[in-house]
Amino acid sequence: MKSVLSVIRNSPIKVTNNAWQKMSDIIKKNKNKMFLFSADSGGCNGFNYKLEIIEKNNFNKPSIIKNQDVNIIIDPFTEMHLIGTKIDYIKEDYSKGIFENKFKFIPDKRYAYSCGCGKSFTIK
């Protein structure tokens, strides 16, 4: 069953329900924390997606996406490279050849190309 995308107005990124649920599970174990979504240089395609847990927001007026108990801060320095990205969480399913649980980042094809690993991308 495909997960339905959460609808958040004016959001530069999209997050699937599977990803929100996994993030919520992580936040419950790491109280008063939030996620930072950013991009770093490197990888096989020029940039790597980066999703990490942080304790506080050190940015001045960043884009923040909220869903219940989860806050995702989008790094304002790399936000322009992340526009249109979808964050999903894939659960292992041996019958489908999926052998690990992981966050998957899917760029909007209008703005970026992705490699096969789903962790790096190139801006168009």
PDB file of N, CA and C in Angstrom:
ATOM      1  N   MET A   1       0.831  -1.171   0.000  1.00  0.00           N
ATOM      2  CA  MET A   1       0.000   0.000   0.000  1.00  0.00           C
ATOM      3  C   MET A   1       0.881   1.242   0.000  1.00  0.00           C
ATOM      4  N   LYS A   2       0.640   2.158  -0.892  1.00  0.00           N
ATOM      5  CA  LYS A   2       1.409   3.396  -0.951  1.00  0.00           C
ATOM      6  C   LYS A   2       0.939   4.335   0.142  1.00  0.00           C
ATOM      7  N   SER A   3       1.883   5.092   0.701  1.00  0.00           N
ATOM      8  CA  SER A   3       1.499   6.052   1.721  1.00  0.00           C
ATOM      9  C   SER A   3       1.021   7.331   1.055  1.00  0.00           C
ATOM     10  N   VAL A   4       0.132   8.003   1.712  1.00  0.00           N
ATOM     11  CA  VAL A   4      -0.423   9.250   1.211  1.00  0.00           C
ATOM     12  C   VAL A   4       0.480  10.377   1.676  1.00  0.00           C
ATOM     13  N   LEU A   5       0.735  11.346   0.815  1.00  0.00           N
ATOM     14  CA  LEU A   5       1.576  12.467   1.198  1.00  0.00           C
ATOM     15  C   LEU A   5       0.825  13.397   2.129  1.00  0.00           C
ATOM     16  N   SER A   6       1.513  13.877   3.143  1.00  0.00           N
ATOM     17  CA  SER A   6       0.928  14.869   4.023  1.00  0.00           C
ATOM     18  C   SER A   6       0.825  16.186   3.260  1.00  0.00           C
ATOM     19  N   VAL A   7      -0.284  16.862   3.433  1.00  0.00           N
ATOM     20  CA  VAL A   7      -0.496  18.126   2.728  1.00  0.00           C
ATOM     21  C   VAL A   7      -0.209  19.268   3.691  1.00  0.00           C
ATOM     22  N   ILE A   8       0.819  20.029   3.395  1.00  0.00           N
ATOM     23  CA  ILE A   8       1.177  21.189   4.190  1.00  0.00           C
ATOM     24  C   ILE A   8       1.336  22.342   3.220  1.00  0.00           C
ATOM     25  N   ARG A   9       0.569  23.387   3.447  1.00  0.00           N
ATOM     26  CA  ARG A   9       0.588  24.526   2.524  1.00  0.00           C
ATOM     27  C   ARG A   9       1.961  25.163   2.429  1.00  0.00           C
ATOM     28  N   ASN A  10       2.327  25.544   1.232  1.00  0.00           N
ATOM     29  CA  ASN A  10       3.563  26.265   0.953  1.00  0.00           C
ATOM     30  C   ASN A  10       4.814  25.543   1.437  1.00  0.00           C
ATOM     31  N   SER A  11       4.770  24.248   1.553  1.00  0.00           N
ATOM     32  CA  SER A  11       5.931  23.494   1.998  1.00  0.00           C
ATOM     33  C   SER A  11       6.880  23.265   0.827  1.00  0.00           C
ATOM     34  N   PRO A  12       8.164  23.562   1.023  1.00  0.00           N
ATOM     35  CA  PRO A  12       9.130  23.331  -0.056  1.00  0.00           C
ATOM     36  C   PRO A  12       9.440  21.853  -0.269  1.00  0.00           C
ATOM     37  N   ILE A  13       9.114  21.013   0.719  1.00  0.00           N
ATOM     38  CA  ILE A  13       9.329  19.569   0.582  1.00  0.00           C
ATOM     39  C   ILE A  13       8.043  18.841   0.939  1.00  0.00           C
ATOM     40  N   LYS A  14       7.990  17.564   0.579  1.00  0.00           N
ATOM     41  CA  LYS A  14       6.847  16.711   0.911  1.00  0.00           C
ATOM     42  C   LYS A  14       7.337  15.579   1.798  1.00  0.00           C
ATOM     43  N   VAL A  15       6.477  15.121   2.694  1.00  0.00           N
ATOM     44  CA  VAL A  15       6.827  14.041   3.609  1.00  0.00           C
ATOM     45  C   VAL A  15       5.683  13.033   3.596  1.00  0.00           C
ATOM     46  N   THR A  16       6.009  11.770   3.378  1.00  0.00           N
ATOM     47  CA  THR A  16       4.965  10.746   3.355  1.00  0.00           C
ATOM     48  C   THR A  16       4.531  10.412   4.776  1.00  0.00           C
ATOM     49  N   ASN A  17       3.368   9.804   4.887  1.00  0.00           N
ATOM     50  CA  ASN A  17       2.883   9.392   6.208  1.00  0.00           C
ATOM     51  C   ASN A  17       3.827   8.388   6.860  1.00  0.00           C
ATOM     52  N   ASN A  18       4.421   7.489   6.069  1.00  0.00           N
ATOM     53  CA  ASN A  18       5.392   6.538   6.623  1.00  0.00           C
ATOM     54  C   ASN A  18       6.579   7.266   7.253  1.00  0.00           C
ATOM     55  N   ALA A  19       7.061   8.309   6.596  1.00  0.00           N
ATOM     56  CA  ALA A  19       8.198   9.072   7.118  1.00  0.00           C
ATOM     57  C   ALA A  19       7.796   9.841   8.375  1.00  0.00           C
ATOM     58  N   TRP A  20       6.610  10.463   8.366  1.00  0.00           N
ATOM     59  CA  TRP A  20       6.144  11.177   9.562  1.00  0.00           C
ATOM     60  C   TRP A  20       6.059  10.218  10.744  1.00  0.00           C
ATOM     61  N   GLN A  21       5.528   9.029  10.515  1.00  0.00           N
ATOM     62  CA  GLN A  21       5.367   8.059  11.594  1.00  0.00           C
ATOM     63  C   GLN A  21       6.720   7.644  12.160  1.00  0.00           C
ATOM     64  N   LYS A  22       7.678   7.352  11.292  1.00  0.00           N
ATOM     65  CA  LYS A  22       9.011   6.965  11.761  1.00  0.00           C
ATOM     66  C   LYS A  22       9.676   8.114  12.519  1.00  0.00           C
ATOM     67  N   MET A  23       9.548   9.334  12.003  1.00  0.00           N
ATOM     68  CA  MET A  23      10.121  10.492  12.690  1.00  0.00           C
ATOM     69  C   MET A  23       9.474  10.675  14.059  1.00  0.00           C
ATOM     70  N   SER A  24       8.172  10.468  14.140  1.00  0.00           N
ATOM     71  CA  SER A  24       7.460  10.572  15.412  1.00  0.00           C
ATOM     72  C   SER A  24       7.992   9.538  16.406  1.00  0.00           C
ATOM     73  N   ASP A  25       8.207   8.319  15.943  1.00  0.00           N
ATOM     74  CA  ASP A  25       8.767   7.272  16.810  1.00  0.00           C
ATOM     75  C   ASP A  25      10.148   7.672  17.325  1.00  0.00           C
ATOM     76  N   ILE A  26      10.955   8.266  16.462  1.00  0.00           N
ATOM     77  CA  ILE A  26      12.310   8.702  16.844  1.00  0.00           C
ATOM     78  C   ILE A  26      12.242   9.841  17.850  1.00  0.00           C
ATOM     79  N   ILE A  27      11.363  10.815  17.623  1.00  0.00           N
ATOM     80  CA  ILE A  27      11.240  11.974  18.514  1.00  0.00           C
ATOM     81  C   ILE A  27      10.745  11.553  19.891  1.00  0.00           C
ATOM     82  N   LYS A  28       9.846  10.585  19.954  1.00  0.00           N
ATOM     83  CA  LYS A  28       9.353  10.102  21.253  1.00  0.00           C
ATOM     84  C   LYS A  28      10.496   9.533  22.099  1.00  0.00           C
ATOM     85  N   LYS A  29      11.487   8.966  21.458  1.00  0.00           N
ATOM     86  CA  LYS A  29      12.642   8.410  22.177  1.00  0.00           C
ATOM     87  C   LYS A  29      13.701   9.475  22.459  1.00  0.00           C
ATOM     88  N   ASN A  30      13.627  10.607  21.770  1.00  0.00           N
ATOM     89  CA  ASN A  30      14.596  11.705  21.914  1.00  0.00           C
ATOM     90  C   ASN A  30      13.827  12.991  22.213  1.00  0.00           C
ATOM     91  N   LYS A  31      13.309  13.106  23.401  1.00  0.00           N
ATOM     92  CA  LYS A  31      12.421  14.215  23.764  1.00  0.00           C
ATOM     93  C   LYS A  31      13.036  15.590  23.478  1.00  0.00           C
ATOM     94  N   ASN A  32      12.157  16.514  23.112  1.00  0.00           N
ATOM     95  CA  ASN A  32      12.525  17.913  22.858  1.00  0.00           C
ATOM     96  C   ASN A  32      13.568  18.077  21.761  1.00  0.00           C
ATOM     97  N   LYS A  33      13.526  17.216  20.804  1.00  0.00           N
ATOM     98  CA  LYS A  33      14.457  17.320  19.682  1.00  0.00           C
ATOM     99  C   LYS A  33      13.656  17.522  18.398  1.00  0.00           C
ATOM    100  N   MET A  34      14.341  17.852  17.345  1.00  0.00           N
ATOM    101  CA  MET A  34      13.716  18.059  16.042  1.00  0.00           C
ATOM    102  C   MET A  34      14.666  17.565  14.968  1.00  0.00           C
ATOM    103  N   PHE A  35      14.193  17.580  13.732  1.00  0.00           N
ATOM    104  CA  PHE A  35      15.021  17.146  12.609  1.00  0.00           C
ATOM    105  C   PHE A  35      15.506  18.359  11.827  1.00  0.00           C
ATOM    106  N   LEU A  36      16.699  18.236  11.293  1.00  0.00           N
ATOM    107  CA  LEU A  36      17.243  19.210  10.354  1.00  0.00           C
ATOM    108  C   LEU A  36      17.420  18.496   9.024  1.00  0.00           C
ATOM    109  N   PHE A  37      16.810  19.051   7.972  1.00  0.00           N
ATOM    110  CA  PHE A  37      16.936  18.504   6.629  1.00  0.00           C
ATOM    111  C   PHE A  37      17.797  19.457   5.834  1.00  0.00           C
ATOM    112  N   SER A  38      18.890  18.932   5.264  1.00  0.00           N
ATOM    113  CA  SER A  38      19.831  19.786   4.547  1.00  0.00           C
ATOM    114  C   SER A  38      20.506  18.991   3.435  1.00  0.00           C
ATOM    115  N   ALA A  39      21.423  19.646   2.766  1.00  0.00           N
ATOM    116  CA  ALA A  39      22.223  19.007   1.716  1.00  0.00           C
ATOM    117  C   ALA A  39      23.680  19.367   1.954  1.00  0.00           C
ATOM    118  N   ASP A  40      24.550  18.398   1.751  1.00  0.00           N
ATOM    119  CA  ASP A  40      25.998  18.595   1.844  1.00  0.00           C
ATOM    120  C   ASP A  40      26.610  18.300   0.486  1.00  0.00           C
ATOM    121  N   SER A  41      27.754  18.915   0.202  1.00  0.00           N
ATOM    122  CA  SER A  41      28.440  18.567  -1.032  1.00  0.00           C
ATOM    123  C   SER A  41      29.058  17.184  -0.888  1.00  0.00           C
ATOM    124  N   GLY A  42      29.136  16.473  -2.010  1.00  0.00           N
ATOM    125  CA  GLY A  42      29.728  15.141  -2.002  1.00  0.00           C
ATOM    126  C   GLY A  42      28.807  14.132  -2.638  1.00  0.00           C
ATOM    127  N   GLY A  43      29.118  12.881  -2.447  1.00  0.00           N
ATOM    128  CA  GLY A  43      28.304  11.817  -3.027  1.00  0.00           C
ATOM    129  C   GLY A  43      28.617  11.625  -4.491  1.00  0.00           C
ATOM    130  N   CYS A  44      27.965  10.658  -5.080  1.00  0.00           N
ATOM    131  CA  CYS A  44      28.243  10.342  -6.483  1.00  0.00           C
ATOM    132  C   CYS A  44      27.586  11.325  -7.449  1.00  0.00           C
ATOM    133  N   ASN A  45      26.696  12.198  -6.948  1.00  0.00           N
ATOM    134  CA  ASN A  45      26.000  13.126  -7.841  1.00  0.00           C
ATOM    135  C   ASN A  45      26.201  14.597  -7.486  1.00  0.00           C
ATOM    136  N   GLY A  46      27.093  14.917  -6.578  1.00  0.00           N
ATOM    137  CA  GLY A  46      27.363  16.319  -6.269  1.00  0.00           C
ATOM    138  C   GLY A  46      26.879  16.769  -4.905  1.00  0.00           C
ATOM    139  N   PHE A  47      25.678  16.333  -4.494  1.00  0.00           N
ATOM    140  CA  PHE A  47      25.128  16.679  -3.180  1.00  0.00           C
ATOM    141  C   PHE A  47      24.589  15.425  -2.506  1.00  0.00           C
ATOM    142  N   ASN A  48      24.653  15.400  -1.183  1.00  0.00           N
ATOM    143  CA  ASN A  48      24.047  14.333  -0.392  1.00  0.00           C
ATOM    144  C   ASN A  48      22.907  14.911   0.428  1.00  0.00           C
ATOM    145  N   TYR A  49      21.801  14.195   0.510  1.00  0.00           N
ATOM    146  CA  TYR A  49      20.730  14.574   1.423  1.00  0.00           C
ATOM    147  C   TYR A  49      21.197  14.278   2.835  1.00  0.00           C
ATOM    148  N   LYS A  50      20.777  15.106   3.778  1.00  0.00           N
ATOM    149  CA  LYS A  50      21.167  14.905   5.170  1.00  0.00           C
ATOM    150  C   LYS A  50      19.954  15.167   6.063  1.00  0.00           C
ATOM    151  N   LEU A  51      19.594  14.184   6.861  1.00  0.00           N
ATOM    152  CA  LEU A  51      18.501  14.295   7.824  1.00  0.00           C
ATOM    153  C   LEU A  51      19.082  13.919   9.177  1.00  0.00           C
ATOM    154  N   GLU A  52      19.075  14.864  10.113  1.00  0.00           N
ATOM    155  CA  GLU A  52      19.683  14.600  11.408  1.00  0.00           C
ATOM    156  C   GLU A  52      18.826  15.156  12.543  1.00  0.00           C
ATOM    157  N   ILE A  53      19.028  14.611  13.725  1.00  0.00           N
ATOM    158  CA  ILE A  53      18.329  15.079  14.921  1.00  0.00           C
ATOM    159  C   ILE A  53      19.145  16.216  15.533  1.00  0.00           C
ATOM    160  N   ILE A  54      18.455  17.306  15.875  1.00  0.00           N
ATOM    161  CA  ILE A  54      19.114  18.434  16.537  1.00  0.00           C
ATOM    162  C   ILE A  54      18.324  18.789  17.796  1.00  0.00           C
ATOM    163  N   GLU A  55      18.978  19.501  18.710  1.00  0.00           N
ATOM    164  CA  GLU A  55      18.329  19.881  19.963  1.00  0.00           C
ATOM    165  C   GLU A  55      17.636  21.221  19.881  1.00  0.00           C
ATOM    166  N   LYS A  56      18.188  22.153  19.101  1.00  0.00           N
ATOM    167  CA  LYS A  56      17.539  23.458  18.999  1.00  0.00           C
ATOM    168  C   LYS A  56      17.767  24.053  17.619  1.00  0.00           C
ATOM    169  N   ASN A  57      16.898  24.975  17.287  1.00  0.00           N
ATOM    170  CA  ASN A  57      16.954  25.660  16.003  1.00  0.00           C
ATOM    171  C   ASN A  57      17.898  26.851  16.131  1.00  0.00           C
ATOM    172  N   ASN A  58      18.992  26.827  15.406  1.00  0.00           N
ATOM    173  CA  ASN A  58      19.959  27.923  15.444  1.00  0.00           C
ATOM    174  C   ASN A  58      19.868  28.838  14.227  1.00  0.00           C
ATOM    175  N   PHE A  59      18.801  28.701  13.449  1.00  0.00           N
ATOM    176  CA  PHE A  59      18.644  29.498  12.238  1.00  0.00           C
ATOM    177  C   PHE A  59      17.659  30.632  12.465  1.00  0.00           C
ATOM    178  N   ASN A  60      17.844  31.722  11.747  1.00  0.00           N
ATOM    179  CA  ASN A  60      16.942  32.854  11.816  1.00  0.00           C
ATOM    180  C   ASN A  60      15.846  32.686  10.756  1.00  0.00           C
ATOM    181  N   LYS A  61      14.632  32.422  11.170  1.00  0.00           N
ATOM    182  CA  LYS A  61      13.459  32.282  10.310  1.00  0.00           C
ATOM    183  C   LYS A  61      13.593  31.208   9.226  1.00  0.00           C
ATOM    184  N   PRO A  62      13.921  29.985   9.613  1.00  0.00           N
ATOM    185  CA  PRO A  62      13.972  28.919   8.604  1.00  0.00           C
ATOM    186  C   PRO A  62      12.575  28.434   8.262  1.00  0.00           C
ATOM    187  N   SER A  63      12.440  27.688   7.181  1.00  0.00           N
ATOM    188  CA  SER A  63      11.185  27.002   6.882  1.00  0.00           C
ATOM    189  C   SER A  63      11.074  25.840   7.861  1.00  0.00           C
ATOM    190  N   ILE A  64       9.915  25.723   8.487  1.00  0.00           N
ATOM    191  CA  ILE A  64       9.676  24.642   9.442  1.00  0.00           C
ATOM    192  C   ILE A  64       8.413  23.912   9.015  1.00  0.00           C
ATOM    193  N   ILE A  65       8.501  22.600   8.926  1.00  0.00           N
ATOM    194  CA  ILE A  65       7.347  21.773   8.601  1.00  0.00           C
ATOM    195  C   ILE A  65       6.990  21.026   9.878  1.00  0.00           C
ATOM    196  N   LYS A  66       5.717  21.075  10.248  1.00  0.00           N
ATOM    197  CA  LYS A  66       5.275  20.444  11.496  1.00  0.00           C
ATOM    198  C   LYS A  66       4.176  19.445  11.213  1.00  0.00           C
ATOM    199  N   ASN A  67       4.189  18.356  11.979  1.00  0.00           N
ATOM    200  CA  ASN A  67       3.124  17.367  11.924  1.00  0.00           C
ATOM    201  C   ASN A  67       3.047  16.736  13.307  1.00  0.00           C
ATOM    202  N   GLN A  68       2.042  17.079  14.054  1.00  0.00           N
ATOM    203  CA  GLN A  68       1.853  16.611  15.434  1.00  0.00           C
ATOM    204  C   GLN A  68       3.091  16.932  16.258  1.00  0.00           C
ATOM    205  N   ASP A  69       3.845  15.923  16.692  1.00  0.00           N
ATOM    206  CA  ASP A  69       4.982  16.145  17.577  1.00  0.00           C
ATOM    207  C   ASP A  69       6.322  16.272  16.852  1.00  0.00           C
ATOM    208  N   VAL A  70       6.290  16.333  15.525  1.00  0.00           N
ATOM    209  CA  VAL A  70       7.531  16.366  14.746  1.00  0.00           C
ATOM    210  C   VAL A  70       7.703  17.728  14.066  1.00  0.00           C
ATOM    211  N   ASN A  71       8.892  18.307  14.230  1.00  0.00           N
ATOM    212  CA  ASN A  71       9.272  19.525  13.525  1.00  0.00           C
ATOM    213  C   ASN A  71      10.472  19.211  12.638  1.00  0.00           C
ATOM    214  N   ILE A  72      10.379  19.616  11.377  1.00  0.00           N
ATOM    215  CA  ILE A  72      11.510  19.484  10.458  1.00  0.00           C
ATOM    216  C   ILE A  72      11.946  20.894  10.092  1.00  0.00           C
ATOM    217  N   ILE A  73      13.166  21.230  10.459  1.00  0.00           N
ATOM    218  CA  ILE A  73      13.762  22.511  10.084  1.00  0.00           C
ATOM    219  C   ILE A  73      14.460  22.288   8.753  1.00  0.00           C
ATOM    220  N   ILE A  74      14.193  23.141   7.780  1.00  0.00           N
ATOM    221  CA  ILE A  74      14.885  23.036   6.488  1.00  0.00           C
ATOM    222  C   ILE A  74      16.009  24.059   6.491  1.00  0.00           C
ATOM    223  N   ASP A  75      17.209  23.568   6.331  1.00  0.00           N
ATOM    224  CA  ASP A  75      18.397  24.415   6.346  1.00  0.00           C
ATOM    225  C   ASP A  75      18.239  25.532   5.320  1.00  0.00           C
ATOM    226  N   PRO A  76      18.207  26.793   5.772  1.00  0.00           N
ATOM    227  CA  PRO A  76      17.996  27.891   4.823  1.00  0.00           C
ATOM    228  C   PRO A  76      19.126  28.057   3.809  1.00  0.00           C
ATOM    229  N   PHE A  77      20.316  27.556   4.131  1.00  0.00           N
ATOM    230  CA  PHE A  77      21.451  27.689   3.217  1.00  0.00           C
ATOM    231  C   PHE A  77      21.366  26.707   2.047  1.00  0.00           C
ATOM    232  N   THR A  78      20.671  25.600   2.231  1.00  0.00           N
ATOM    233  CA  THR A  78      20.560  24.613   1.155  1.00  0.00           C
ATOM    234  C   THR A  78      19.115  24.380   0.706  1.00  0.00           C
ATOM    235  N   GLU A  79      18.169  25.150   1.249  1.00  0.00           N
ATOM    236  CA  GLU A  79      16.755  24.963   0.920  1.00  0.00           C
ATOM    237  C   GLU A  79      16.486  25.030  -0.573  1.00  0.00           C
ATOM    238  N   MET A  80      17.152  25.928  -1.269  1.00  0.00           N
ATOM    239  CA  MET A  80      16.908  26.068  -2.715  1.00  0.00           C
ATOM    240  C   MET A  80      17.243  24.780  -3.467  1.00  0.00           C
ATOM    241  N   HIS A  81      18.159  23.968  -2.933  1.00  0.00           N
ATOM    242  CA  HIS A  81      18.513  22.700  -3.566  1.00  0.00           C
ATOM    243  C   HIS A  81      17.547  21.575  -3.197  1.00  0.00           C
ATOM    244  N   LEU A  82      16.763  21.787  -2.150  1.00  0.00           N
ATOM    245  CA  LEU A  82      15.871  20.743  -1.635  1.00  0.00           C
ATOM    246  C   LEU A  82      14.427  20.900  -2.089  1.00  0.00           C
ATOM    247  N   ILE A  83      14.108  22.000  -2.741  1.00  0.00           N
ATOM    248  CA  ILE A  83      12.728  22.268  -3.159  1.00  0.00           C
ATOM    249  C   ILE A  83      12.187  21.110  -3.985  1.00  0.00           C
ATOM    250  N   GLY A  84      11.006  20.659  -3.603  1.00  0.00           N
ATOM    251  CA  GLY A  84      10.340  19.583  -4.319  1.00  0.00           C
ATOM    252  C   GLY A  84      10.715  18.191  -3.879  1.00  0.00           C
ATOM    253  N   THR A  85      11.686  18.053  -2.968  1.00  0.00           N
ATOM    254  CA  THR A  85      12.113  16.737  -2.508  1.00  0.00           C
ATOM    255  C   THR A  85      11.004  16.085  -1.678  1.00  0.00           C
ATOM    256  N   LYS A  86      10.853  14.789  -1.856  1.00  0.00           N
ATOM    257  CA  LYS A  86       9.913  14.008  -1.048  1.00  0.00           C
ATOM    258  C   LYS A  86      10.731  13.107  -0.128  1.00  0.00           C
ATOM    259  N   ILE A  87      10.381  13.115   1.165  1.00  0.00           N
ATOM    260  CA  ILE A  87      11.014  12.227   2.133  1.00  0.00           C
ATOM    261  C   ILE A  87      10.044  11.086   2.390  1.00  0.00           C
ATOM    262  N   ASP A  88      10.518   9.871   2.206  1.00  0.00           N
ATOM    263  CA  ASP A  88       9.708   8.688   2.457  1.00  0.00           C
ATOM    264  C   ASP A  88      10.476   7.777   3.401  1.00  0.00           C
ATOM    265  N   TYR A  89       9.777   6.844   4.020  1.00  0.00           N
ATOM    266  CA  TYR A  89      10.423   5.836   4.851  1.00  0.00           C
ATOM    267  C   TYR A  89      10.012   4.481   4.310  1.00  0.00           C
ATOM    268  N   ILE A  90      10.994   3.692   3.934  1.00  0.00           N
ATOM    269  CA  ILE A  90      10.767   2.387   3.326  1.00  0.00           C
ATOM    270  C   ILE A  90      11.020   1.312   4.380  1.00  0.00           C
ATOM    271  N   LYS A  91      10.050   0.422   4.546  1.00  0.00           N
ATOM    272  CA  LYS A  91      10.202  -0.688   5.490  1.00  0.00           C
ATOM    273  C   LYS A  91      10.645  -1.927   4.730  1.00  0.00           C
ATOM    274  N   GLU A  92      11.489  -2.727   5.370  1.00  0.00           N
ATOM    275  CA  GLU A  92      11.971  -3.937   4.706  1.00  0.00           C
ATOM    276  C   GLU A  92      10.800  -4.844   4.331  1.00  0.00           C
ATOM    277  N   ASP A  93      10.921  -5.416   3.148  1.00  0.00           N
ATOM    278  CA  ASP A  93       9.913  -6.348   2.633  1.00  0.00           C
ATOM    279  C   ASP A  93      10.653  -7.282   1.689  1.00  0.00           C
ATOM    280  N   TYR A  94      11.054  -8.429   2.220  1.00  0.00           N
ATOM    281  CA  TYR A  94      11.868  -9.363   1.446  1.00  0.00           C
ATOM    282  C   TYR A  94      11.181  -9.807   0.165  1.00  0.00           C
ATOM    283  N   SER A  95       9.843  -9.885   0.186  1.00  0.00           N
ATOM    284  CA  SER A  95       9.127 -10.316  -1.015  1.00  0.00           C
ATOM    285  C   SER A  95       9.256  -9.311  -2.153  1.00  0.00           C
ATOM    286  N   LYS A  96       9.592  -8.036  -1.825  1.00  0.00           N
ATOM    287  CA  LYS A  96       9.771  -6.996  -2.834  1.00  0.00           C
ATOM    288  C   LYS A  96      11.245  -6.663  -3.051  1.00  0.00           C
ATOM    289  N   GLY A  97      12.126  -7.439  -2.414  1.00  0.00           N
ATOM    290  CA  GLY A  97      13.559  -7.199  -2.579  1.00  0.00           C
ATOM    291  C   GLY A  97      14.075  -6.033  -1.759  1.00  0.00           C
ATOM    292  N   ILE A  98      13.347  -5.620  -0.729  1.00  0.00           N
ATOM    293  CA  ILE A  98      13.789  -4.522   0.138  1.00  0.00           C
ATOM    294  C   ILE A  98      14.337  -5.157   1.412  1.00  0.00           C
ATOM    295  N   PHE A  99      15.642  -5.016   1.631  1.00  0.00           N
ATOM    296  CA  PHE A  99      16.301  -5.727   2.713  1.00  0.00           C
ATOM    297  C   PHE A  99      16.725  -4.836   3.879  1.00  0.00           C
ATOM    298  N   GLU A 100      16.236  -3.602   3.905  1.00  0.00           N
ATOM    299  CA  GLU A 100      16.564  -2.724   5.026  1.00  0.00           C
ATOM    300  C   GLU A 100      15.495  -1.652   5.193  1.00  0.00           C
ATOM    301  N   ASN A 101      15.363  -1.143   6.400  1.00  0.00           N
ATOM    302  CA  ASN A 101      14.510   0.005   6.675  1.00  0.00           C
ATOM    303  C   ASN A 101      15.357   1.247   6.440  1.00  0.00           C
ATOM    304  N   LYS A 102      14.791   2.268   5.784  1.00  0.00           N
ATOM    305  CA  LYS A 102      15.579   3.478   5.554  1.00  0.00           C
ATOM    306  C   LYS A 102      14.700   4.632   5.107  1.00  0.00           C
ATOM    307  N   PHE A 103      15.211   5.850   5.359  1.00  0.00           N
ATOM    308  CA  PHE A 103      14.595   7.024   4.782  1.00  0.00           C
ATOM    309  C   PHE A 103      15.052   7.097   3.334  1.00  0.00           C
ATOM    310  N   LYS A 104      14.138   7.476   2.467  1.00  0.00           N
ATOM    311  CA  LYS A 104      14.457   7.602   1.046  1.00  0.00           C
ATOM    312  C   LYS A 104      14.105   9.014   0.614  1.00  0.00           C
ATOM    313  N   PHE A 105      14.981   9.626  -0.145  1.00  0.00           N
ATOM    314  CA  PHE A 105      14.800  10.997  -0.611  1.00  0.00           C
ATOM    315  C   PHE A 105      14.587  10.972  -2.116  1.00  0.00           C
ATOM    316  N   ILE A 106      13.483  11.558  -2.554  1.00  0.00           N
ATOM    317  CA  ILE A 106      13.119  11.524  -3.967  1.00  0.00           C
ATOM    318  C   ILE A 106      13.020  12.962  -4.472  1.00  0.00           C
ATOM    319  N   PRO A 107      13.943  13.364  -5.347  1.00  0.00           N
ATOM    320  CA  PRO A 107      13.905  14.746  -5.834  1.00  0.00           C
ATOM    321  C   PRO A 107      12.781  14.950  -6.843  1.00  0.00           C
ATOM    322  N   ASP A 108      12.311  16.169  -6.921  1.00  0.00           N
ATOM    323  CA  ASP A 108      11.354  16.547  -7.963  1.00  0.00           C
ATOM    324  C   ASP A 108      12.145  16.578  -9.265  1.00  0.00           C
ATOM    325  N   LYS A 109      11.749  15.780 -10.231  1.00  0.00           N
ATOM    326  CA  LYS A 109      12.498  15.641 -11.482  1.00  0.00           C
ATOM    327  C   LYS A 109      12.588  16.944 -12.273  1.00  0.00           C
ATOM    328  N   ARG A 110      11.768  17.923 -11.932  1.00  0.00           N
ATOM    329  CA  ARG A 110      11.868  19.228 -12.606  1.00  0.00           C
ATOM    330  C   ARG A 110      13.107  19.996 -12.154  1.00  0.00           C
ATOM    331  N   TYR A 111      13.625  19.654 -10.946  1.00  0.00           N
ATOM    332  CA  TYR A 111      14.718  20.427 -10.370  1.00  0.00           C
ATOM    333  C   TYR A 111      16.031  19.673 -10.196  1.00  0.00           C
ATOM    334  N   ALA A 112      15.967  18.338 -10.106  1.00  0.00           N
ATOM    335  CA  ALA A 112      17.192  17.598  -9.793  1.00  0.00           C
ATOM    336  C   ALA A 112      17.135  16.171 -10.326  1.00  0.00           C
ATOM    337  N   TYR A 113      18.318  15.590 -10.464  1.00  0.00           N
ATOM    338  CA  TYR A 113      18.481  14.179 -10.809  1.00  0.00           C
ATOM    339  C   TYR A 113      18.965  13.453  -9.566  1.00  0.00           C
ATOM    340  N   SER A 114      18.595  12.194  -9.435  1.00  0.00           N
ATOM    341  CA  SER A 114      19.050  11.403  -8.296  1.00  0.00           C
ATOM    342  C   SER A 114      19.802  10.187  -8.800  1.00  0.00           C
ATOM    343  N   CYS A 115      20.692   9.689  -7.948  1.00  0.00           N
ATOM    344  CA  CYS A 115      21.388   8.457  -8.309  1.00  0.00           C
ATOM    345  C   CYS A 115      20.578   7.269  -7.797  1.00  0.00           C
ATOM    346  N   GLY A 116      21.045   6.079  -8.059  1.00  0.00           N
ATOM    347  CA  GLY A 116      20.331   4.879  -7.656  1.00  0.00           C
ATOM    348  C   GLY A 116      20.257   4.660  -6.164  1.00  0.00           C
ATOM    349  N   CYS A 117      21.219   5.188  -5.398  1.00  0.00           N
ATOM    350  CA  CYS A 117      21.213   4.953  -3.960  1.00  0.00           C
ATOM    351  C   CYS A 117      20.154   5.783  -3.248  1.00  0.00           C
ATOM    352  N   GLY A 118      19.687   6.867  -3.877  1.00  0.00           N
ATOM    353  CA  GLY A 118      18.673   7.708  -3.258  1.00  0.00           C
ATOM    354  C   GLY A 118      19.205   8.621  -2.168  1.00  0.00           C
ATOM    355  N   LYS A 119      20.518   8.746  -2.065  1.00  0.00           N
ATOM    356  CA  LYS A 119      21.100   9.605  -1.043  1.00  0.00           C
ATOM    357  C   LYS A 119      21.840  10.795  -1.621  1.00  0.00           C
ATOM    358  N   SER A 120      22.018  10.795  -2.925  1.00  0.00           N
ATOM    359  CA  SER A 120      22.702  11.930  -3.541  1.00  0.00           C
ATOM    360  C   SER A 120      21.926  12.420  -4.753  1.00  0.00           C
ATOM    361  N   PHE A 121      22.212  13.666  -5.154  1.00  0.00           N
ATOM    362  CA  PHE A 121      21.478  14.271  -6.254  1.00  0.00           C
ATOM    363  C   PHE A 121      22.310  15.349  -6.926  1.00  0.00           C
ATOM    364  N   THR A 122      21.880  15.726  -8.132  1.00  0.00           N
ATOM    365  CA  THR A 122      22.493  16.801  -8.894  1.00  0.00           C
ATOM    366  C   THR A 122      21.403  17.785  -9.267  1.00  0.00           C
ATOM    367  N   ILE A 123      21.708  19.057  -9.141  1.00  0.00           N
ATOM    368  CA  ILE A 123      20.767  20.113  -9.518  1.00  0.00           C
ATOM    369  C   ILE A 123      20.735  20.228 -11.033  1.00  0.00           C
ATOM    370  N   LYS A 124      19.538  20.409 -11.603  1.00  0.00           N
ATOM    371  CA  LYS A 124      19.412  20.615 -13.064  1.00  0.00           C
ATOM    372  C   LYS A 124      19.827  22.010 -13.427  1.00  0.00           C
TER     373      LYS A 124
END
